[in-house]
Amino acid sequence: MSSPLAPIFPYLNTLVFFAAYTVLYKNNPLYRAVTNLVIGISAGYLIASNIDAFYRGVVIDQITSGLSIQNVLAWVIGVLFVFVFFPKLINLYRAAAILVMTVGIGMQLPYGPATFWTLTVGYAQNMFSFAKNGFNATTIGALAAAIAFCLGMSYFFFTDKADKPTAPFRKGGRLVLLIYAAFCIVQTALGMINIFQWKLLDALNGVPATWYIPIGLFLLILLDAFVFPLRKLIPGTSKVEAKTS
């Protein structure tokens, strides 16, 4: 079943997209409005989805299958988390938060060494594949990936006692991590450029109707910046500016 708001979604999407880029002009009310809109909708959806998940996973399960230790514990922890809003009973919230955090860490902690061991064995097995298959793009890439993995790990594992003899390795590890971070940033930037490119390519086939709103807003920004400050249209603005200046 489609939403009754579906017809305005393309317009809202285009408005939010272009309004986000107006921050490059300056921090303006339009940018702040769409930022709050996106954050508010995201937070509201997250809260509603968690309430729905709790209702379906705890309340309904408790009604249908009866009380259990897991359900009672979920109710208790959920109630204790509410005490974050009561300063005098904040310790009850802290106790529940510490319990959830420690249990979560205890469940995830074994996966860390297991993941590290799996990656290390995989890189070690592929590192010398050139000895069997010769040098080609695949074997050279596996060798380079293994060396980069070793250098990257050396940046974290060598201590101060091995500072001087391991300095070259740690410098190489720092370089590997910087290259990796640069690749992540570039991929994010290219993704944003691609989205903007798609918008422009769509315009080559004719300006979409959804563009009329942001184009009008862009013209208003130009008018406000170079022709006439629109804030002067609001009564009393000059008095407020005189008091705050």
C-alpha atoms as a PDB file:
ATOM      1  CA  MET A   1       0.000   0.000   0.000  1.00  0.00           C
ATOM      2  CA  SER A   2       1.527   3.302  -1.092  1.00  0.00           C
ATOM      3  CA  SER A   3       1.759   6.235   1.266  1.00  0.00           C
ATOM      4  CA  PRO A   4      -0.600   9.194   0.716  1.00  0.00           C
ATOM      5  CA  LEU A   5       2.532  11.384   0.882  1.00  0.00           C
ATOM      6  CA  ALA A   6       4.196   9.518  -1.996  1.00  0.00           C
ATOM      7  CA  PRO A   7       3.405  12.263  -4.596  1.00  0.00           C
ATOM      8  CA  ILE A   8       5.450  14.845  -2.668  1.00  0.00           C
ATOM      9  CA  PHE A   9       8.434  12.566  -1.971  1.00  0.00           C
ATOM     10  CA  PRO A  10      10.302  13.474  -5.211  1.00  0.00           C
ATOM     11  CA  TYR A  11       9.911  17.178  -4.447  1.00  0.00           C
ATOM     12  CA  LEU A  12      11.010  16.706  -0.845  1.00  0.00           C
ATOM     13  CA  ASN A  13      13.986  14.616  -1.916  1.00  0.00           C
ATOM     14  CA  THR A  14      15.152  17.244  -4.402  1.00  0.00           C
ATOM     15  CA  LEU A  15      14.596  20.057  -1.920  1.00  0.00           C
ATOM     16  CA  VAL A  16      16.630  18.327   0.800  1.00  0.00           C
ATOM     17  CA  PHE A  17      19.398  17.449  -1.664  1.00  0.00           C
ATOM     18  CA  PHE A  18      19.930  20.986  -2.939  1.00  0.00           C
ATOM     19  CA  ALA A  19      19.242  22.645   0.413  1.00  0.00           C
ATOM     20  CA  ALA A  20      22.068  20.637   1.961  1.00  0.00           C
ATOM     21  CA  TYR A  21      24.481  22.151  -0.564  1.00  0.00           C
ATOM     22  CA  THR A  22      23.440  25.702   0.292  1.00  0.00           C
ATOM     23  CA  VAL A  23      25.758  25.463   3.307  1.00  0.00           C
ATOM     24  CA  LEU A  24      28.565  26.053   0.789  1.00  0.00           C
ATOM     25  CA  TYR A  25      27.076  29.541   0.370  1.00  0.00           C
ATOM     26  CA  LYS A  26      26.685  30.143   4.084  1.00  0.00           C
ATOM     27  CA  ASN A  27      25.017  28.682   7.142  1.00  0.00           C
ATOM     28  CA  ASN A  28      21.430  29.646   6.346  1.00  0.00           C
ATOM     29  CA  PRO A  29      17.957  28.855   7.739  1.00  0.00           C
ATOM     30  CA  LEU A  30      17.157  26.567   4.797  1.00  0.00           C
ATOM     31  CA  TYR A  31      20.167  24.361   5.485  1.00  0.00           C
ATOM     32  CA  ARG A  32      19.365  24.229   9.191  1.00  0.00           C
ATOM     33  CA  ALA A  33      15.723  23.407   8.442  1.00  0.00           C
ATOM     34  CA  VAL A  34      16.493  20.403   6.223  1.00  0.00           C
ATOM     35  CA  THR A  35      19.189  19.228   8.640  1.00  0.00           C
ATOM     36  CA  ASN A  36      16.710  19.234  11.513  1.00  0.00           C
ATOM     37  CA  LEU A  37      14.129  17.607   9.242  1.00  0.00           C
ATOM     38  CA  VAL A  38      16.422  14.719   8.341  1.00  0.00           C
ATOM     39  CA  ILE A  39      17.691  14.257  11.899  1.00  0.00           C
ATOM     40  CA  GLY A  40      14.182  14.510  13.331  1.00  0.00           C
ATOM     41  CA  ILE A  41      12.709  11.980  10.907  1.00  0.00           C
ATOM     42  CA  SER A  42      15.627   9.610  11.461  1.00  0.00           C
ATOM     43  CA  ALA A  43      15.354   9.879  15.238  1.00  0.00           C
ATOM     44  CA  GLY A  44      11.570   9.514  15.147  1.00  0.00           C
ATOM     45  CA  TYR A  45      11.788   6.455  12.909  1.00  0.00           C
ATOM     46  CA  LEU A  46      14.449   4.906  15.155  1.00  0.00           C
ATOM     47  CA  ILE A  47      12.361   5.471  18.281  1.00  0.00           C
ATOM     48  CA  ALA A  48       9.180   4.165  16.645  1.00  0.00           C
ATOM     49  CA  SER A  49      10.922   1.097  15.205  1.00  0.00           C
ATOM     50  CA  ASN A  50      12.482   0.248  18.573  1.00  0.00           C
ATOM     51  CA  ILE A  51       9.150   0.627  20.345  1.00  0.00           C
ATOM     52  CA  ASP A  52       7.538  -1.599  17.724  1.00  0.00           C
ATOM     53  CA  ALA A  53      10.338  -4.167  18.035  1.00  0.00           C
ATOM     54  CA  PHE A  54       9.992  -4.167  21.830  1.00  0.00           C
ATOM     55  CA  TYR A  55       6.216  -4.564  21.541  1.00  0.00           C
ATOM     56  CA  ARG A  56       6.482  -7.436  19.079  1.00  0.00           C
ATOM     57  CA  GLY A  57       9.499  -9.160  20.616  1.00  0.00           C
ATOM     58  CA  VAL A  58       8.730  -8.757  24.319  1.00  0.00           C
ATOM     59  CA  VAL A  59       5.138  -7.777  24.996  1.00  0.00           C
ATOM     60  CA  ILE A  60       3.470 -10.049  22.433  1.00  0.00           C
ATOM     61  CA  ASP A  61       5.874 -12.901  23.205  1.00  0.00           C
ATOM     62  CA  GLN A  62       5.149 -12.559  26.904  1.00  0.00           C
ATOM     63  CA  ILE A  63       1.411 -12.612  26.313  1.00  0.00           C
ATOM     64  CA  THR A  64       1.538 -15.663  24.049  1.00  0.00           C
ATOM     65  CA  SER A  65       4.252 -17.759  25.737  1.00  0.00           C
ATOM     66  CA  GLY A  66       4.016 -16.578  29.335  1.00  0.00           C
ATOM     67  CA  LEU A  67       6.666 -15.185  31.646  1.00  0.00           C
ATOM     68  CA  SER A  68      10.294 -16.144  31.208  1.00  0.00           C
ATOM     69  CA  ILE A  69      13.580 -14.996  32.688  1.00  0.00           C
ATOM     70  CA  GLN A  70      14.561 -13.328  29.400  1.00  0.00           C
ATOM     71  CA  ASN A  71      11.332 -11.360  29.180  1.00  0.00           C
ATOM     72  CA  VAL A  72      11.437 -10.273  32.814  1.00  0.00           C
ATOM     73  CA  LEU A  73      15.066  -9.171  32.435  1.00  0.00           C
ATOM     74  CA  ALA A  74      14.171  -7.191  29.314  1.00  0.00           C
ATOM     75  CA  TRP A  75      11.379  -5.430  31.170  1.00  0.00           C
ATOM     76  CA  VAL A  76      13.629  -4.621  34.136  1.00  0.00           C
ATOM     77  CA  ILE A  77      16.466  -3.264  31.979  1.00  0.00           C
ATOM     78  CA  GLY A  78      14.010  -1.259  29.894  1.00  0.00           C
ATOM     79  CA  VAL A  79      12.497   0.344  32.989  1.00  0.00           C
ATOM     80  CA  LEU A  80      15.946   1.052  34.456  1.00  0.00           C
ATOM     81  CA  PHE A  81      16.980   2.893  31.306  1.00  0.00           C
ATOM     82  CA  VAL A  82      14.085   5.305  31.833  1.00  0.00           C
ATOM     83  CA  PHE A  83      15.779   6.534  35.021  1.00  0.00           C
ATOM     84  CA  VAL A  84      18.282   8.447  32.883  1.00  0.00           C
ATOM     85  CA  PHE A  85      15.705  11.250  33.032  1.00  0.00           C
ATOM     86  CA  PHE A  86      15.697  11.273  36.858  1.00  0.00           C
ATOM     87  CA  PRO A  87      18.958  12.725  38.263  1.00  0.00           C
ATOM     88  CA  LYS A  88      18.428  11.368  41.769  1.00  0.00           C
ATOM     89  CA  LEU A  89      17.998   7.810  40.436  1.00  0.00           C
ATOM     90  CA  ILE A  90      20.665   8.029  37.742  1.00  0.00           C
ATOM     91  CA  ASN A  91      22.638   5.192  39.376  1.00  0.00           C
ATOM     92  CA  LEU A  92      19.898   2.743  38.415  1.00  0.00           C
ATOM     93  CA  TYR A  93      20.334   3.734  34.782  1.00  0.00           C
ATOM     94  CA  ARG A  94      24.115   3.424  35.087  1.00  0.00           C
ATOM     95  CA  ALA A  95      23.803  -0.090  36.507  1.00  0.00           C
ATOM     96  CA  ALA A  96      21.618  -1.183  33.589  1.00  0.00           C
ATOM     97  CA  ALA A  97      23.901   0.516  31.065  1.00  0.00           C
ATOM     98  CA  ILE A  98      27.002  -1.153  32.548  1.00  0.00           C
ATOM     99  CA  LEU A  99      25.265  -4.538  32.461  1.00  0.00           C
ATOM    100  CA  VAL A 100      24.264  -4.149  28.811  1.00  0.00           C
ATOM    101  CA  MET A 101      27.719  -2.854  27.832  1.00  0.00           C
ATOM    102  CA  THR A 102      29.674  -5.588  29.599  1.00  0.00           C
ATOM    103  CA  VAL A 103      27.448  -8.355  28.266  1.00  0.00           C
ATOM    104  CA  GLY A 104      27.756  -6.917  24.755  1.00  0.00           C
ATOM    105  CA  ILE A 105      31.534  -6.652  25.014  1.00  0.00           C
ATOM    106  CA  GLY A 106      31.753 -10.166  26.421  1.00  0.00           C
ATOM    107  CA  MET A 107      29.753 -11.534  23.506  1.00  0.00           C
ATOM    108  CA  GLN A 108      31.744  -9.654  20.850  1.00  0.00           C
ATOM    109  CA  LEU A 109      35.219  -9.920  22.365  1.00  0.00           C
ATOM    110  CA  PRO A 110      35.960 -13.477  21.148  1.00  0.00           C
ATOM    111  CA  TYR A 111      35.270 -12.417  17.579  1.00  0.00           C
ATOM    112  CA  GLY A 112      38.215  -9.960  17.637  1.00  0.00           C
ATOM    113  CA  PRO A 113      41.036 -12.515  17.958  1.00  0.00           C
ATOM    114  CA  ALA A 114      39.177 -14.894  15.661  1.00  0.00           C
ATOM    115  CA  THR A 115      38.867 -12.228  12.960  1.00  0.00           C
ATOM    116  CA  PHE A 116      42.512 -11.208  13.354  1.00  0.00           C
ATOM    117  CA  TRP A 117      43.652 -14.838  13.129  1.00  0.00           C
ATOM    118  CA  THR A 118      41.503 -15.487  10.053  1.00  0.00           C
ATOM    119  CA  LEU A 119      42.844 -12.410   8.267  1.00  0.00           C
ATOM    120  CA  THR A 120      46.434 -13.205   9.212  1.00  0.00           C
ATOM    121  CA  VAL A 121      46.212 -16.807   7.987  1.00  0.00           C
ATOM    122  CA  GLY A 122      44.511 -15.701   4.766  1.00  0.00           C
ATOM    123  CA  TYR A 123      47.153 -13.087   3.965  1.00  0.00           C
ATOM    124  CA  ALA A 124      49.964 -15.493   4.904  1.00  0.00           C
ATOM    125  CA  GLN A 125      48.623 -18.204   2.610  1.00  0.00           C
ATOM    126  CA  ASN A 126      48.229 -15.826  -0.327  1.00  0.00           C
ATOM    127  CA  MET A 127      51.469 -13.916   0.273  1.00  0.00           C
ATOM    128  CA  PHE A 128      53.740 -16.456  -1.441  1.00  0.00           C
ATOM    129  CA  SER A 129      51.296 -17.583  -4.100  1.00  0.00           C
ATOM    130  CA  PHE A 130      53.696 -16.143  -6.696  1.00  0.00           C
ATOM    131  CA  ALA A 131      56.076 -19.035  -5.972  1.00  0.00           C
ATOM    132  CA  LYS A 132      53.540 -21.473  -7.377  1.00  0.00           C
ATOM    133  CA  ASN A 133      51.678 -19.373  -9.956  1.00  0.00           C
ATOM    134  CA  GLY A 134      54.376 -16.913 -10.993  1.00  0.00           C
ATOM    135  CA  PHE A 135      54.145 -13.160 -11.016  1.00  0.00           C
ATOM    136  CA  ASN A 136      50.876 -11.748 -12.340  1.00  0.00           C
ATOM    137  CA  ALA A 137      48.367  -9.124 -11.288  1.00  0.00           C
ATOM    138  CA  THR A 138      46.689 -11.460  -8.797  1.00  0.00           C
ATOM    139  CA  THR A 139      49.834 -12.720  -7.058  1.00  0.00           C
ATOM    140  CA  ILE A 140      51.446  -9.266  -6.963  1.00  0.00           C
ATOM    141  CA  GLY A 141      48.249  -7.829  -5.488  1.00  0.00           C
ATOM    142  CA  ALA A 142      48.179 -10.569  -2.832  1.00  0.00           C
ATOM    143  CA  LEU A 143      51.815  -9.889  -1.945  1.00  0.00           C
ATOM    144  CA  ALA A 144      51.238  -6.127  -1.712  1.00  0.00           C
ATOM    145  CA  ALA A 145      48.106  -6.649   0.418  1.00  0.00           C
ATOM    146  CA  ALA A 146      50.024  -8.926   2.818  1.00  0.00           C
ATOM    147  CA  ILE A 147      52.880  -6.437   3.177  1.00  0.00           C
ATOM    148  CA  ALA A 148      50.417  -3.574   3.745  1.00  0.00           C
ATOM    149  CA  PHE A 149      48.585  -5.678   6.357  1.00  0.00           C
ATOM    150  CA  CYS A 150      51.845  -6.390   8.223  1.00  0.00           C
ATOM    151  CA  LEU A 151      52.908  -2.746   8.137  1.00  0.00           C
ATOM    152  CA  GLY A 152      49.488  -1.549   9.265  1.00  0.00           C
ATOM    153  CA  MET A 153      49.458  -3.970  12.186  1.00  0.00           C
ATOM    154  CA  SER A 154      53.010  -3.004  13.158  1.00  0.00           C
ATOM    155  CA  TYR A 155      51.808   0.526  13.827  1.00  0.00           C
ATOM    156  CA  PHE A 156      49.627  -0.793  16.674  1.00  0.00           C
ATOM    157  CA  PHE A 157      51.599  -3.726  18.066  1.00  0.00           C
ATOM    158  CA  PHE A 158      55.132  -2.382  18.590  1.00  0.00           C
ATOM    159  CA  THR A 159      55.645  -0.804  22.020  1.00  0.00           C
ATOM    160  CA  ASP A 160      57.965   1.943  23.223  1.00  0.00           C
ATOM    161  CA  LYS A 161      60.621  -0.626  24.170  1.00  0.00           C
ATOM    162  CA  ALA A 162      60.999  -1.509  20.500  1.00  0.00           C
ATOM    163  CA  ASP A 163      60.672   2.089  19.375  1.00  0.00           C
ATOM    164  CA  LYS A 164      63.987   2.578  17.563  1.00  0.00           C
ATOM    165  CA  PRO A 165      64.414  -0.756  15.779  1.00  0.00           C
ATOM    166  CA  THR A 166      60.795  -0.774  14.608  1.00  0.00           C
ATOM    167  CA  ALA A 167      60.623   2.889  13.540  1.00  0.00           C
ATOM    168  CA  PRO A 168      60.789   2.138   9.769  1.00  0.00           C
ATOM    169  CA  PHE A 169      58.022  -0.442  10.054  1.00  0.00           C
ATOM    170  CA  ARG A 170      55.813   1.904  12.050  1.00  0.00           C
ATOM    171  CA  LYS A 171      56.383   4.681   9.518  1.00  0.00           C
ATOM    172  CA  GLY A 172      55.353   2.276   6.772  1.00  0.00           C
ATOM    173  CA  GLY A 173      52.304   1.289   8.790  1.00  0.00           C
ATOM    174  CA  ARG A 174      51.371   4.943   9.243  1.00  0.00           C
ATOM    175  CA  LEU A 175      51.663   5.424   5.479  1.00  0.00           C
ATOM    176  CA  VAL A 176      49.435   2.396   4.825  1.00  0.00           C
ATOM    177  CA  LEU A 177      46.789   3.681   7.235  1.00  0.00           C
ATOM    178  CA  LEU A 178      46.909   7.162   5.686  1.00  0.00           C
ATOM    179  CA  ILE A 179      46.480   5.685   2.196  1.00  0.00           C
ATOM    180  CA  TYR A 180      43.551   3.603   3.422  1.00  0.00           C
ATOM    181  CA  ALA A 181      41.918   6.637   5.047  1.00  0.00           C
ATOM    182  CA  ALA A 182      42.477   8.627   1.842  1.00  0.00           C
ATOM    183  CA  PHE A 183      40.799   5.910  -0.217  1.00  0.00           C
ATOM    184  CA  CYS A 184      37.791   5.921   2.138  1.00  0.00           C
ATOM    185  CA  ILE A 185      37.495   9.715   1.892  1.00  0.00           C
ATOM    186  CA  VAL A 186      37.867   9.652  -1.886  1.00  0.00           C
ATOM    187  CA  GLN A 187      35.182   6.982  -2.248  1.00  0.00           C
ATOM    188  CA  THR A 188      32.813   9.051  -0.114  1.00  0.00           C
ATOM    189  CA  ALA A 189      33.554  12.187  -2.127  1.00  0.00           C
ATOM    190  CA  LEU A 190      33.178  10.336  -5.439  1.00  0.00           C
ATOM    191  CA  GLY A 191      29.870   8.966  -4.238  1.00  0.00           C
ATOM    192  CA  MET A 192      28.594  12.487  -3.574  1.00  0.00           C
ATOM    193  CA  ILE A 193      29.924  13.661  -6.948  1.00  0.00           C
ATOM    194  CA  ASN A 194      28.159  10.771  -8.681  1.00  0.00           C
ATOM    195  CA  ILE A 195      24.870  11.661  -7.005  1.00  0.00           C
ATOM    196  CA  PHE A 196      25.266  15.275  -8.105  1.00  0.00           C
ATOM    197  CA  GLN A 197      26.213  14.080 -11.605  1.00  0.00           C
ATOM    198  CA  TRP A 198      23.058  11.984 -11.838  1.00  0.00           C
ATOM    199  CA  LYS A 199      21.004  15.033 -10.970  1.00  0.00           C
ATOM    200  CA  LEU A 200      22.691  17.032 -13.732  1.00  0.00           C
ATOM    201  CA  LEU A 201      22.320  14.234 -16.275  1.00  0.00           C
ATOM    202  CA  ASP A 202      18.626  14.095 -15.491  1.00  0.00           C
ATOM    203  CA  ALA A 203      18.433  17.797 -16.287  1.00  0.00           C
ATOM    204  CA  LEU A 204      19.839  17.233 -19.791  1.00  0.00           C
ATOM    205  CA  ASN A 205      16.600  15.474 -20.694  1.00  0.00           C
ATOM    206  CA  GLY A 206      14.607  18.463 -19.487  1.00  0.00           C
ATOM    207  CA  VAL A 207      14.414  20.208 -16.159  1.00  0.00           C
ATOM    208  CA  PRO A 208      12.361  17.956 -13.833  1.00  0.00           C
ATOM    209  CA  ALA A 209       9.387  19.533 -12.155  1.00  0.00           C
ATOM    210  CA  THR A 210      10.960  18.813  -8.790  1.00  0.00           C
ATOM    211  CA  TRP A 211      13.762  21.249  -9.606  1.00  0.00           C
ATOM    212  CA  TYR A 212      11.526  24.320  -9.655  1.00  0.00           C
ATOM    213  CA  ILE A 213      11.545  24.602  -5.855  1.00  0.00           C
ATOM    214  CA  PRO A 214      15.346  24.476  -5.342  1.00  0.00           C
ATOM    215  CA  ILE A 215      15.962  26.702  -8.388  1.00  0.00           C
ATOM    216  CA  GLY A 216      13.636  29.292  -6.887  1.00  0.00           C
ATOM    217  CA  LEU A 217      15.397  29.009  -3.550  1.00  0.00           C
ATOM    218  CA  PHE A 218      18.766  29.426  -5.264  1.00  0.00           C
ATOM    219  CA  LEU A 219      17.552  32.590  -6.954  1.00  0.00           C
ATOM    220  CA  LEU A 220      16.349  33.887  -3.584  1.00  0.00           C
ATOM    221  CA  ILE A 221      19.810  33.230  -2.136  1.00  0.00           C
ATOM    222  CA  LEU A 222      21.393  35.230  -4.962  1.00  0.00           C
ATOM    223  CA  LEU A 223      18.881  38.018  -4.416  1.00  0.00           C
ATOM    224  CA  ASP A 224      19.596  38.048  -0.678  1.00  0.00           C
ATOM    225  CA  ALA A 225      23.365  38.053  -1.189  1.00  0.00           C
ATOM    226  CA  PHE A 226      23.833  40.579  -4.000  1.00  0.00           C
ATOM    227  CA  VAL A 227      20.649  42.641  -4.462  1.00  0.00           C
ATOM    228  CA  PHE A 228      18.557  43.127  -1.343  1.00  0.00           C
ATOM    229  CA  PRO A 229      18.820  41.478   2.119  1.00  0.00           C
ATOM    230  CA  LEU A 230      15.524  39.680   2.521  1.00  0.00           C
ATOM    231  CA  ARG A 231      15.690  39.894   6.317  1.00  0.00           C
ATOM    232  CA  LYS A 232      14.837  43.588   6.026  1.00  0.00           C
ATOM    233  CA  LEU A 233      11.352  42.564   4.882  1.00  0.00           C
ATOM    234  CA  ILE A 234      10.663  41.301   8.414  1.00  0.00           C
ATOM    235  CA  PRO A 235       9.316  44.124  10.627  1.00  0.00           C
ATOM    236  CA  GLY A 236      11.604  45.098  13.474  1.00  0.00           C
ATOM    237  CA  THR A 237      14.729  43.505  12.058  1.00  0.00           C
ATOM    238  CA  SER A 238      16.653  46.780  11.963  1.00  0.00           C
ATOM    239  CA  LYS A 239      15.930  47.385  15.657  1.00  0.00           C
ATOM    240  CA  VAL A 240      17.134  43.927  16.615  1.00  0.00           C
ATOM    241  CA  GLU A 241      20.302  44.345  14.566  1.00  0.00           C
ATOM    242  CA  ALA A 242      20.967  47.712  16.181  1.00  0.00           C
ATOM    243  CA  LYS A 243      20.683  46.203  19.666  1.00  0.00           C
ATOM    244  CA  THR A 244      22.892  43.217  18.913  1.00  0.00           C
ATOM    245  CA  SER A 245      25.559  45.100  16.956  1.00  0.00           C
END
